[in-house]
Amino acid sequence: MFEFFLSIKHFLDQMNILFAVGLILLIGFLGSRIAHRFRLPTVSGYILVGLIIGPSVLKLIPGEMVSALTPVTNVALSLIALSIGSRLGIAGLKRLGKSIGYIASSAAMGAFLAVFILVGVLSFLWPELAGLPSRSEANFFINLITMALLLGAISSATAPAATVSVLNQYRCRGPLTSTLLAVVAIDDAIAVIIFGVVWTVCNVLMKSMGEISWFLMIIRPFWEIIASVSLGLVMGVGLHFLARRMRERNEFLIVTLGAAMITTGLAMMLHLSFLLANMAAGFILINMARRNYRLFTSINMVEVPIYVTFFVIAGANLHLGTLLKVGILGIVYILARIGGKIYGAKWGALKAGADETVRKYLGLGLIPQAGVAIGLVLLVQQSPAFASFKAAVTSIVLAGVAVSELIGPLLTKVAITRAGETHPRQGGAT
């Protein structure tokens, strides 16, 4: 029996990428069925099976193979950022009005500040909770600020799919529903912008390690952000002119994927943010011509297997030992994010002069968190600059995603029910 298990271990050690991806897709399918059986969000099923087959439990996918699949996660993130940019049509943003942008920004910044401050204070008092060096070490404060900034930026993201699903299920109509739909439509764009700025600043902080200058702190991050957006705009314009000569859906798919990969590759080679670059490309494409939406719909042909692989890998990156160690910090992160979203949305709605129901209940519909947050934490996981605390950040955020995806839809239902905006079908779900 012992020799049998040794032979299995030897076989797994020889695993190649094709076998690993095939296994991930089939296991991911199983995870989706499990999630459906227990009425959980599908993404939770992907993360769960990824955790089970990953290095922390069964070790079916070795840690080295998880790292080797980094390009898949980068492609998925590129497509997510491109899609986010495509939602930012200028005409649509004008219809939403300035108040929606104000409320969405306030909710995102509320979560960012709450998590940054509370996680930062707790990590300062008990550095071992976050795996940080002791306060006596020279780089303690840089590590502390960087970790808290990254967690704050990731916390600002909201997953619109769960919220929209609840609103559709209960056929919601009214001011809260309208405002909530508008806010979640642009929330991820705001989160990606916040993270892009924070990511640049944090990389400067970690690379300089005590040798901070005004140039590094202000000029360089500003330059990298402008350069990232400029790269995306150039790629978007080029893709727009290519699209004018194409007719077949397969052509749209090939060219769009190719352009997204080139944009991502160039950004990484130039040490720029490929998230901001791809979002800028999506923005310029959708605003140059409405017919460019064909480029984004063409991606639907391949995005499902990419996203399944992406979420299963996210689960495989979850380390149970680290999760137990950062339990208190994880709870603080979850509570701080929920509180920041609720009170940030309430403050923004108050300043925007929104209805009372919007002020009272909007924040409850902004709790779910999934794809974008997972993508951002995987970027942290892949960066050698954040090696000292990246395991803690990964575990905290993925635990927060799991909790928020479970309680988020329930809180959304509470909000719309109390606002009196549900119109369920007779005999429908309750």
Protein backbone atom coordinates (compact mmCIF):
# COMPACT_ATOMS: atom_id res chain seq x y z
CA MET A 1 0.00 0.00 0.00
CA PHE A 2 2.82 2.37 0.90
CA GLU A 3 4.51 1.68 -2.43
CA PHE A 4 1.22 2.39 -4.21
CA PHE A 5 1.00 5.85 -2.68
CA LEU A 6 4.65 6.46 -3.48
CA SER A 7 4.00 5.60 -7.11
CA ILE A 8 1.05 8.04 -7.19
CA LYS A 9 3.23 10.76 -5.69
CA HIS A 10 5.95 10.07 -8.26
CA PHE A 11 3.35 10.25 -11.06
CA LEU A 12 2.02 13.60 -9.78
CA ASP A 13 5.57 14.94 -9.52
CA GLN A 14 5.94 14.26 -13.26
CA MET A 15 2.72 16.11 -14.11
CA ASN A 16 2.83 18.40 -17.13
CA ILE A 17 0.81 21.54 -17.76
CA LEU A 18 -1.63 19.93 -20.19
CA PHE A 19 -2.55 17.22 -17.70
CA ALA A 20 -2.87 19.80 -14.91
CA VAL A 21 -5.18 22.07 -16.94
CA GLY A 22 -7.34 19.12 -17.97
CA LEU A 23 -7.61 17.97 -14.37
CA ILE A 24 -8.45 21.50 -13.22
CA LEU A 25 -11.25 21.84 -15.79
CA LEU A 26 -12.84 18.51 -14.86
CA ILE A 27 -12.49 19.16 -11.11
CA GLY A 28 -13.86 22.66 -11.66
CA PHE A 29 -16.93 21.16 -13.34
CA LEU A 30 -17.41 18.94 -10.30
CA GLY A 31 -17.08 22.00 -8.07
CA SER A 32 -19.81 23.82 -9.98
CA ARG A 33 -22.15 20.86 -9.50
CA ILE A 34 -21.41 20.76 -5.78
CA ALA A 35 -22.07 24.50 -5.49
CA HIS A 36 -25.35 24.12 -7.37
CA ARG A 37 -26.38 21.21 -5.15
CA PHE A 38 -25.94 23.30 -2.00
CA ARG A 39 -27.23 26.53 -3.60
CA LEU A 40 -23.87 28.26 -3.31
CA PRO A 41 -22.35 30.68 -5.83
CA THR A 42 -20.50 28.77 -8.55
CA VAL A 43 -17.26 30.61 -7.83
CA SER A 44 -17.34 29.23 -4.27
CA GLY A 45 -17.42 25.71 -5.72
CA TYR A 46 -14.40 26.40 -7.92
CA ILE A 47 -12.42 27.81 -4.99
CA LEU A 48 -13.39 24.90 -2.73
CA VAL A 49 -12.28 22.17 -5.13
CA GLY A 50 -9.13 24.16 -5.90
CA LEU A 51 -8.33 24.18 -2.18
CA ILE A 52 -8.95 20.43 -1.94
CA ILE A 53 -6.73 19.43 -4.89
CA GLY A 54 -4.09 22.05 -4.12
CA PRO A 55 -0.88 21.87 -2.07
CA SER A 56 -2.70 22.41 1.25
CA VAL A 57 -4.86 19.24 1.16
CA LEU A 58 -4.60 16.42 -1.40
CA LYS A 59 -1.61 17.85 -3.31
CA LEU A 60 -2.98 16.61 -6.63
CA ILE A 61 -1.73 19.87 -8.12
CA PRO A 62 1.79 20.55 -6.77
CA GLY A 63 2.79 24.07 -5.78
CA GLU A 64 5.26 24.25 -8.66
CA MET A 65 2.48 23.51 -11.14
CA VAL A 66 0.26 26.20 -9.62
CA SER A 67 3.08 28.69 -10.20
CA ALA A 68 3.62 27.41 -13.75
CA LEU A 69 -0.02 28.23 -14.54
CA THR A 70 0.51 31.94 -13.82
CA PRO A 71 0.06 32.88 -17.53
CA VAL A 72 -3.51 31.51 -17.40
CA THR A 73 -4.37 33.80 -14.49
CA ASN A 74 -2.82 36.76 -16.30
CA VAL A 75 -4.91 36.06 -19.42
CA ALA A 76 -8.06 35.83 -17.29
CA LEU A 77 -7.23 39.10 -15.57
CA SER A 78 -6.57 40.76 -18.91
CA LEU A 79 -10.00 39.73 -20.20
CA ILE A 80 -11.66 40.88 -16.96
CA ALA A 81 -9.99 44.29 -17.20
CA LEU A 82 -10.88 44.58 -20.90
CA SER A 83 -14.50 43.77 -20.07
CA ILE A 84 -14.58 46.35 -17.26
CA GLY A 85 -13.35 49.02 -19.65
CA SER A 86 -16.08 48.11 -22.12
CA ARG A 87 -18.73 49.00 -19.51
CA LEU A 88 -17.52 52.59 -19.37
CA GLY A 89 -19.28 53.99 -22.42
CA ILE A 90 -19.41 57.78 -22.08
CA ALA A 91 -23.06 57.92 -23.11
CA GLY A 92 -23.99 55.33 -20.50
CA LEU A 93 -22.01 57.10 -17.79
CA LYS A 94 -23.80 60.35 -18.58
CA ARG A 95 -27.16 58.61 -18.18
CA LEU A 96 -26.11 57.34 -14.77
CA GLY A 97 -25.36 60.86 -13.64
CA LYS A 98 -22.69 62.33 -11.40
CA SER A 99 -24.42 61.17 -8.23
CA ILE A 100 -23.91 57.50 -9.12
CA GLY A 101 -20.19 58.01 -9.62
CA TYR A 102 -20.07 59.88 -6.33
CA ILE A 103 -21.84 57.09 -4.44
CA ALA A 104 -19.76 54.32 -6.04
CA SER A 105 -16.49 56.14 -5.32
CA SER A 106 -17.56 56.81 -1.74
CA ALA A 107 -18.43 53.13 -1.14
CA ALA A 108 -15.14 51.96 -2.65
CA MET A 109 -13.07 54.47 -0.68
CA GLY A 110 -15.00 53.65 2.49
CA ALA A 111 -13.93 50.01 2.28
CA PHE A 112 -10.38 50.96 1.30
CA LEU A 113 -9.87 53.34 4.23
CA ALA A 114 -11.59 51.11 6.82
CA VAL A 115 -9.50 48.07 5.90
CA PHE A 116 -6.26 50.05 5.53
CA ILE A 117 -6.62 51.68 8.96
CA LEU A 118 -7.95 48.74 11.00
CA VAL A 119 -5.72 46.08 9.44
CA GLY A 120 -2.75 48.45 9.72
CA VAL A 121 -3.37 49.13 13.43
CA LEU A 122 -3.92 45.44 14.27
CA SER A 123 -0.82 44.40 12.32
CA PHE A 124 1.23 47.03 14.13
CA LEU A 125 0.10 45.74 17.53
CA TRP A 126 0.51 42.04 16.65
CA PRO A 127 2.87 41.69 13.62
CA GLU A 128 2.90 37.90 13.90
CA LEU A 129 -0.77 37.80 12.83
CA ALA A 130 0.22 38.98 9.35
CA GLY A 131 3.56 37.21 9.14
CA LEU A 132 5.39 40.54 9.29
CA PRO A 133 8.90 41.01 10.70
CA SER A 134 9.17 42.32 14.26
CA ARG A 135 8.84 46.05 14.90
CA SER A 136 12.55 46.25 15.64
CA GLU A 137 13.52 45.40 12.07
CA ALA A 138 14.33 48.24 9.69
CA ASN A 139 11.77 47.37 7.01
CA PHE A 140 8.84 46.73 9.36
CA PHE A 141 6.89 49.90 8.59
CA ILE A 142 7.32 49.61 4.83
CA ASN A 143 6.03 46.01 4.93
CA LEU A 144 3.17 47.04 7.21
CA ILE A 145 2.01 49.99 5.08
CA THR A 146 2.37 48.00 1.85
CA MET A 147 0.32 45.06 3.12
CA ALA A 148 -2.42 47.30 4.54
CA LEU A 149 -2.58 49.34 1.31
CA LEU A 150 -2.91 46.20 -0.84
CA LEU A 151 -5.65 44.72 1.35
CA GLY A 152 -7.47 48.05 1.38
CA ALA A 153 -7.34 48.33 -2.42
CA ILE A 154 -8.56 44.76 -2.96
CA SER A 155 -11.40 45.27 -0.47
CA SER A 156 -12.87 48.07 -2.62
CA ALA A 157 -13.97 45.61 -5.35
CA THR A 158 -17.56 44.33 -5.54
CA ALA A 159 -18.90 41.37 -7.53
CA PRO A 160 -21.98 42.54 -9.48
CA ALA A 161 -23.14 39.07 -10.59
CA ALA A 162 -24.51 37.94 -7.22
CA THR A 163 -26.31 41.23 -6.58
CA VAL A 164 -27.85 41.37 -10.06
CA SER A 165 -28.97 37.75 -9.76
CA VAL A 166 -30.93 38.53 -6.58
CA LEU A 167 -32.51 41.64 -8.11
CA ASN A 168 -33.61 39.64 -11.16
CA GLN A 169 -34.92 36.76 -9.07
CA TYR A 170 -37.26 39.03 -7.10
CA ARG A 171 -38.16 41.28 -10.06
CA CYS A 172 -37.08 44.35 -8.11
CA ARG A 173 -38.13 47.86 -9.12
CA GLY A 174 -37.62 51.18 -7.38
CA PRO A 175 -34.99 53.81 -6.51
CA LEU A 176 -32.81 51.41 -4.49
CA THR A 177 -32.78 48.85 -7.29
CA SER A 178 -31.96 51.44 -9.96
CA THR A 179 -29.17 52.96 -7.89
CA LEU A 180 -27.74 49.58 -6.93
CA LEU A 181 -27.61 48.40 -10.55
CA ALA A 182 -25.87 51.60 -11.61
CA VAL A 183 -23.33 51.48 -8.78
CA VAL A 184 -22.30 47.85 -9.32
CA ALA A 185 -21.92 48.57 -13.05
CA ILE A 186 -18.96 50.89 -12.43
CA ASP A 187 -17.70 49.66 -9.06
CA ASP A 188 -15.08 47.27 -10.43
CA ALA A 189 -13.68 50.01 -12.67
CA ILE A 190 -13.16 52.22 -9.62
CA ALA A 191 -11.59 49.30 -7.73
CA VAL A 192 -9.15 48.55 -10.57
CA ILE A 193 -8.13 52.21 -10.70
CA ILE A 194 -7.56 52.27 -6.93
CA PHE A 195 -5.57 49.05 -7.10
CA GLY A 196 -3.53 50.26 -10.08
CA VAL A 197 -2.42 53.35 -8.15
CA VAL A 198 -1.76 51.38 -4.94
CA TRP A 199 0.10 48.63 -6.81
CA THR A 200 2.48 51.13 -8.34
CA VAL A 201 3.11 52.92 -5.04
CA CYS A 202 3.62 49.62 -3.18
CA ASN A 203 6.13 48.34 -5.73
CA VAL A 204 8.08 51.58 -5.37
CA LEU A 205 8.01 51.25 -1.58
CA MET A 206 9.19 47.65 -1.53
CA LYS A 207 11.91 48.12 -4.12
CA SER A 208 13.34 51.24 -2.47
CA MET A 209 13.26 49.79 1.09
CA GLY A 210 14.09 52.83 3.12
CA GLU A 211 15.59 54.91 0.32
CA ILE A 212 12.41 56.88 -0.38
CA SER A 213 12.57 60.07 -2.38
CA TRP A 214 9.85 62.41 -3.57
CA PHE A 215 10.60 61.29 -7.10
CA LEU A 216 9.98 57.64 -6.25
CA MET A 217 6.90 58.34 -4.17
CA ILE A 218 5.09 60.76 -6.49
CA ILE A 219 6.62 61.19 -9.93
CA ARG A 220 7.36 57.54 -10.73
CA PRO A 221 3.93 56.12 -9.76
CA PHE A 222 2.25 58.97 -11.64
CA TRP A 223 4.39 58.27 -14.70
CA GLU A 224 3.71 54.52 -14.61
CA ILE A 225 -0.05 55.09 -14.36
CA ILE A 226 -0.05 57.52 -17.30
CA ALA A 227 2.15 55.16 -19.32
CA SER A 228 -0.13 52.18 -18.58
CA VAL A 229 -3.25 54.05 -19.68
CA SER A 230 -1.45 55.38 -22.77
CA LEU A 231 -0.39 51.88 -23.79
CA GLY A 232 -3.99 50.71 -23.49
CA LEU A 233 -5.30 53.62 -25.53
CA VAL A 234 -2.81 52.94 -28.32
CA MET A 235 -3.70 49.23 -28.38
CA GLY A 236 -7.41 50.08 -28.31
CA VAL A 237 -7.13 52.43 -31.29
CA GLY A 238 -5.14 49.84 -33.23
CA LEU A 239 -7.68 47.12 -32.47
CA HIS A 240 -10.52 49.44 -33.52
CA PHE A 241 -9.04 49.90 -37.00
CA LEU A 242 -8.35 46.17 -37.32
CA ALA A 243 -11.95 45.39 -36.35
CA ARG A 244 -13.27 47.52 -39.22
CA ARG A 245 -11.79 45.00 -41.67
CA MET A 246 -13.22 41.90 -39.99
CA ARG A 247 -16.57 40.17 -40.48
CA GLU A 248 -16.36 36.68 -38.94
CA ARG A 249 -16.78 36.02 -35.20
CA ASN A 250 -13.70 33.79 -35.21
CA GLU A 251 -11.66 36.69 -36.54
CA PHE A 252 -12.90 38.94 -33.73
CA LEU A 253 -11.94 36.31 -31.17
CA ILE A 254 -8.44 35.71 -32.53
CA VAL A 255 -7.58 39.39 -32.84
CA THR A 256 -9.09 40.39 -29.46
CA LEU A 257 -7.25 37.64 -27.57
CA GLY A 258 -4.05 38.45 -29.39
CA ALA A 259 -4.33 42.17 -28.64
CA ALA A 260 -5.11 41.52 -24.95
CA MET A 261 -2.08 39.23 -24.64
CA ILE A 262 0.22 41.68 -26.42
CA THR A 263 -1.01 44.52 -24.21
CA THR A 264 -0.41 42.43 -21.10
CA GLY A 265 2.99 41.23 -22.26
CA LEU A 266 4.17 44.72 -23.19
CA ALA A 267 2.94 46.15 -19.89
CA MET A 268 4.82 43.47 -17.94
CA MET A 269 7.99 44.02 -19.99
CA LEU A 270 7.80 47.77 -19.35
CA HIS A 271 6.89 47.29 -15.65
CA LEU A 272 3.48 48.89 -16.12
CA SER A 273 0.00 47.90 -14.91
CA PHE A 274 -1.57 45.53 -17.43
CA LEU A 275 -4.89 45.90 -15.59
CA LEU A 276 -5.03 49.64 -16.28
CA ALA A 277 -3.72 49.11 -19.82
CA ASN A 278 -6.41 46.58 -20.74
CA MET A 279 -9.15 48.60 -19.05
CA ALA A 280 -8.09 51.66 -21.05
CA ALA A 281 -8.14 49.57 -24.25
CA GLY A 282 -11.70 48.42 -23.50
CA PHE A 283 -12.74 51.98 -22.72
CA ILE A 284 -11.42 53.46 -25.98
CA LEU A 285 -12.84 50.59 -28.05
CA ILE A 286 -16.41 50.92 -26.78
CA ASN A 287 -16.35 54.70 -27.12
CA MET A 288 -14.85 54.83 -30.62
CA ALA A 289 -17.66 52.74 -32.13
CA ARG A 290 -20.60 50.84 -30.68
CA ARG A 291 -20.04 48.04 -33.18
CA ASN A 292 -16.85 47.16 -31.30
CA TYR A 293 -19.04 45.35 -28.78
CA ARG A 294 -18.60 42.39 -31.17
CA LEU A 295 -15.02 42.13 -29.96
CA PHE A 296 -16.15 41.63 -26.38
CA THR A 297 -18.97 39.18 -27.15
CA SER A 298 -16.57 37.07 -29.19
CA ILE A 299 -14.56 36.36 -26.03
CA ASN A 300 -17.55 34.48 -24.62
CA MET A 301 -16.49 31.52 -26.76
CA VAL A 302 -13.38 30.88 -24.64
CA GLU A 303 -13.80 32.77 -21.38
CA VAL A 304 -15.57 30.01 -19.43
CA PRO A 305 -12.69 27.47 -19.38
CA ILE A 306 -10.22 30.29 -18.73
CA TYR A 307 -12.26 31.56 -15.77
CA VAL A 308 -12.79 28.05 -14.37
CA THR A 309 -9.03 27.47 -14.42
CA PHE A 310 -8.52 30.91 -12.92
CA PHE A 311 -10.81 30.32 -9.91
CA VAL A 312 -9.61 26.77 -9.24
CA ILE A 313 -6.02 28.05 -9.20
CA ALA A 314 -7.14 30.73 -6.75
CA GLY A 315 -8.42 28.00 -4.44
CA ALA A 316 -5.19 26.04 -4.84
CA ASN A 317 -3.30 29.13 -3.69
CA LEU A 318 -5.22 29.12 -0.41
CA HIS A 319 -3.01 27.77 2.39
CA LEU A 320 -4.95 26.36 5.35
CA GLY A 321 -2.07 26.81 7.80
CA THR A 322 -1.74 30.48 6.97
CA LEU A 323 -5.52 30.91 7.04
CA LEU A 324 -5.66 29.61 10.61
CA LYS A 325 -2.76 31.84 11.61
CA VAL A 326 -4.37 35.01 10.22
CA GLY A 327 -7.85 34.15 11.50
CA ILE A 328 -8.24 37.27 13.67
CA LEU A 329 -6.84 39.52 10.96
CA GLY A 330 -9.17 37.90 8.44
CA ILE A 331 -12.20 38.59 10.63
CA VAL A 332 -11.13 42.22 11.02
CA TYR A 333 -10.68 42.48 7.23
CA ILE A 334 -14.17 41.08 6.56
CA LEU A 335 -15.89 43.29 9.16
CA ALA A 336 -13.94 46.39 8.15
CA ARG A 337 -14.81 45.88 4.48
CA ILE A 338 -18.51 45.37 5.21
CA GLY A 339 -18.62 48.41 7.50
CA GLY A 340 -16.66 50.55 5.04
CA LYS A 341 -18.99 49.61 2.16
CA ILE A 342 -22.16 50.25 4.16
CA TYR A 343 -21.17 53.57 5.71
CA GLY A 344 -19.25 54.76 2.63
CA ALA A 345 -22.34 54.16 0.47
CA LYS A 346 -24.56 55.83 3.08
CA TRP A 347 -22.33 58.92 3.22
CA GLY A 348 -22.14 59.15 -0.59
CA ALA A 349 -25.91 58.74 -0.95
CA LEU A 350 -26.49 61.43 1.68
CA LYS A 351 -24.20 63.90 -0.09
CA ALA A 352 -25.83 63.05 -3.44
CA GLY A 353 -29.30 63.73 -2.03
CA ALA A 354 -30.55 60.19 -2.69
CA ASP A 355 -33.81 58.76 -1.35
CA GLU A 356 -33.95 57.60 2.25
CA THR A 357 -34.23 53.94 1.24
CA VAL A 358 -31.08 54.31 -0.84
CA ARG A 359 -29.20 55.88 2.06
CA LYS A 360 -30.30 53.18 4.49
CA TYR A 361 -29.93 50.01 2.43
CA LEU A 362 -27.61 50.57 -0.55
CA GLY A 363 -24.47 49.37 1.23
CA LEU A 364 -26.03 45.98 2.00
CA GLY A 365 -26.14 45.25 -1.73
CA LEU A 366 -22.41 45.91 -2.22
CA ILE A 367 -21.01 43.10 -0.07
CA PRO A 368 -20.42 40.26 -2.61
CA GLN A 369 -16.83 39.96 -3.82
CA ALA A 370 -15.41 37.50 -6.34
CA GLY A 371 -13.64 37.64 -9.72
CA VAL A 372 -11.81 40.97 -9.64
CA ALA A 373 -10.75 40.59 -5.99
CA ILE A 374 -9.43 37.07 -6.68
CA GLY A 375 -7.54 38.34 -9.69
CA LEU A 376 -5.96 41.17 -7.73
CA VAL A 377 -4.84 38.90 -4.91
CA LEU A 378 -3.28 36.51 -7.43
CA LEU A 379 -1.19 39.41 -8.71
CA VAL A 380 0.07 39.89 -5.16
CA GLN A 381 0.70 36.13 -4.93
CA GLN A 382 2.84 36.19 -8.08
CA SER A 383 4.99 39.19 -7.14
CA PRO A 384 8.34 38.42 -5.47
CA ALA A 385 8.34 41.92 -3.99
CA PHE A 386 5.59 40.92 -1.54
CA ALA A 387 7.01 37.52 -0.56
CA SER A 388 7.06 38.25 3.19
CA PHE A 389 3.29 38.64 3.51
CA LYS A 390 1.72 37.44 0.25
CA ALA A 391 0.53 34.15 1.82
CA ALA A 392 -1.31 36.10 4.53
CA VAL A 393 -2.88 38.49 1.99
CA THR A 394 -3.99 35.58 -0.22
CA SER A 395 -5.61 33.68 2.66
CA ILE A 396 -7.32 36.77 4.10
CA VAL A 397 -8.83 37.88 0.79
CA LEU A 398 -9.94 34.42 -0.34
CA ALA A 399 -11.56 33.80 3.04
CA GLY A 400 -13.26 37.18 2.68
CA VAL A 401 -14.46 36.24 -0.82
CA ALA A 402 -15.93 32.98 0.45
CA VAL A 403 -17.77 34.71 3.30
CA SER A 404 -18.99 37.64 1.21
CA GLU A 405 -20.28 35.38 -1.58
CA LEU A 406 -22.26 33.42 1.02
CA ILE A 407 -23.76 36.31 3.00
CA GLY A 408 -23.80 38.95 0.26
CA PRO A 409 -26.87 37.70 -1.63
CA LEU A 410 -28.72 37.30 1.69
CA LEU A 411 -27.94 40.89 2.69
CA THR A 412 -29.05 42.11 -0.74
CA LYS A 413 -32.36 40.31 -0.26
CA VAL A 414 -32.74 41.93 3.19
CA ALA A 415 -32.09 45.38 1.69
CA ILE A 416 -34.59 45.15 -1.17
CA THR A 417 -37.21 43.51 1.05
CA ARG A 418 -36.99 46.26 3.67
CA ALA A 419 -37.09 48.86 0.91
CA GLY A 420 -40.30 47.27 -0.39
CA GLU A 421 -38.99 46.85 -3.93
CA THR A 422 -39.52 43.09 -4.39
CA HIS A 423 -42.17 41.86 -6.81
CA PRO A 424 -41.79 38.04 -6.76
CA ARG A 425 -43.73 35.92 -9.21
CA GLN A 426 -46.69 34.11 -7.71
CA GLY A 427 -45.43 30.85 -6.34
CA GLY A 428 -41.84 31.99 -6.98
CA ALA A 429 -38.79 31.68 -4.79
CA THR A 430 -38.81 33.39 -1.43
